[in-house]
Amino acid sequence: MLLSELAEKELIQVKDGARYGKLADTELLFNPKTGKIEGFEVFQKATSFFQANKANKKKEFIAWEEIILIGKDRILFNETDSSSEASEYS
């Protein structure tokens, strides 16, 4: 599967059905030494119009290991991590 095909798939957290937008709206994080994909950095959805600024949103990390299923239109995953664990790859 090509990355361009993955980009249009919607990210959905299985636990509560939360939608995180399309994969194209994320930042791909990989280990520069190994080239291995570590996961994706997403911004938490705004709860109001006034929180729409990207700078005010909290970053969350979807580890590659958390992906359960890559379907025709969606990517299902278990959990996100809002800690700074992913910052070592960015």
Protein backbone atom coordinates (compact mmCIF):
# COMPACT_ATOMS: atom_id res chain seq x y z
CA MET A 1 0.00 0.00 0.00
CA LEU A 2 1.30 3.45 -0.90
CA LEU A 3 1.58 6.26 1.63
CA SER A 4 -0.68 8.37 -0.60
CA GLU A 5 -3.39 5.70 -0.22
CA LEU A 6 -3.01 5.75 3.58
CA ALA A 7 -3.16 9.56 3.71
CA GLU A 8 -6.89 9.74 2.96
CA LYS A 9 -7.89 7.22 5.63
CA GLU A 10 -9.66 8.49 8.75
CA LEU A 11 -8.09 7.82 12.16
CA ILE A 12 -10.54 6.46 14.74
CA GLN A 13 -9.80 5.50 18.33
CA VAL A 14 -11.53 2.21 19.15
CA LYS A 15 -11.94 2.89 22.89
CA ASP A 16 -14.42 5.76 22.56
CA GLY A 17 -14.95 6.15 18.81
CA ALA A 18 -13.17 9.52 18.73
CA ARG A 19 -12.25 10.75 15.27
CA TYR A 20 -8.82 12.27 14.81
CA GLY A 21 -9.14 13.39 11.21
CA LYS A 22 -7.27 11.98 8.25
CA LEU A 23 -3.79 10.56 8.34
CA ALA A 24 -2.72 13.32 5.93
CA ASP A 25 -3.32 15.84 8.75
CA THR A 26 -0.76 14.20 11.05
CA GLU A 27 2.99 14.42 11.38
CA LEU A 28 4.79 11.18 10.58
CA LEU A 29 7.46 10.42 13.18
CA PHE A 30 10.23 7.98 12.40
CA ASN A 31 13.53 6.95 13.90
CA PRO A 32 16.21 8.62 11.75
CA LYS A 33 18.77 5.94 12.61
CA THR A 34 16.67 2.94 11.60
CA GLY A 35 14.08 4.51 9.28
CA LYS A 36 11.36 2.71 11.25
CA ILE A 37 7.98 4.48 11.56
CA GLU A 38 7.43 5.17 15.26
CA GLY A 39 3.96 6.67 14.93
CA PHE A 40 1.96 9.78 14.16
CA GLU A 41 1.61 13.08 15.98
CA VAL A 42 -1.90 14.53 15.94
CA PHE A 43 -3.42 17.63 17.43
CA GLN A 44 -6.32 17.25 19.84
CA LYS A 45 -9.60 18.36 18.33
CA ALA A 46 -10.75 21.87 19.27
CA THR A 47 -13.80 22.01 21.51
CA SER A 48 -14.76 25.50 20.37
CA PHE A 49 -14.09 27.95 17.58
CA PHE A 50 -11.76 29.97 19.83
CA GLN A 51 -9.46 26.97 20.35
CA ALA A 52 -9.01 26.41 16.62
CA ASN A 53 -5.46 27.84 16.64
CA LYS A 54 -2.93 24.98 16.24
CA ALA A 55 -0.58 26.58 18.78
CA ASN A 56 -3.19 26.18 21.54
CA LYS A 57 -3.95 22.53 20.84
CA LYS A 58 -2.37 19.68 22.74
CA LYS A 59 -0.30 17.21 20.73
CA GLU A 60 -1.03 13.52 21.00
CA PHE A 61 0.99 10.59 19.72
CA ILE A 62 -0.35 7.43 18.08
CA ALA A 63 2.32 4.75 18.31
CA TRP A 64 2.59 2.43 15.30
CA GLU A 65 2.08 -0.51 17.67
CA GLU A 66 -1.35 0.89 18.69
CA ILE A 67 -2.78 0.47 15.18
CA ILE A 68 -5.22 -2.43 15.17
CA LEU A 69 -6.61 -2.37 11.65
CA ILE A 70 -6.03 -0.54 8.39
CA GLY A 71 -9.29 -0.82 6.51
CA LYS A 72 -10.62 0.45 3.20
CA ASP A 73 -11.53 3.91 4.56
CA ARG A 74 -10.33 3.97 8.18
CA ILE A 75 -7.42 3.25 10.47
CA LEU A 76 -8.43 1.93 13.89
CA PHE A 77 -6.10 2.33 16.85
CA ASN A 78 -6.16 1.70 20.61
CA GLU A 79 -4.81 4.71 22.47
CA THR A 80 -2.94 7.97 22.12
CA ASP A 81 -0.16 9.18 24.33
CA SER A 82 -0.10 12.86 25.25
CA SER A 83 3.31 12.67 26.94
CA SER A 84 6.51 13.93 25.39
CA GLU A 85 7.67 10.39 24.58
CA ALA A 86 7.48 11.02 20.85
CA SER A 87 9.48 14.26 20.96
CA GLU A 88 12.78 12.39 20.65
CA TYR A 89 11.94 11.57 17.01
CA SER A 90 10.74 14.96 15.86
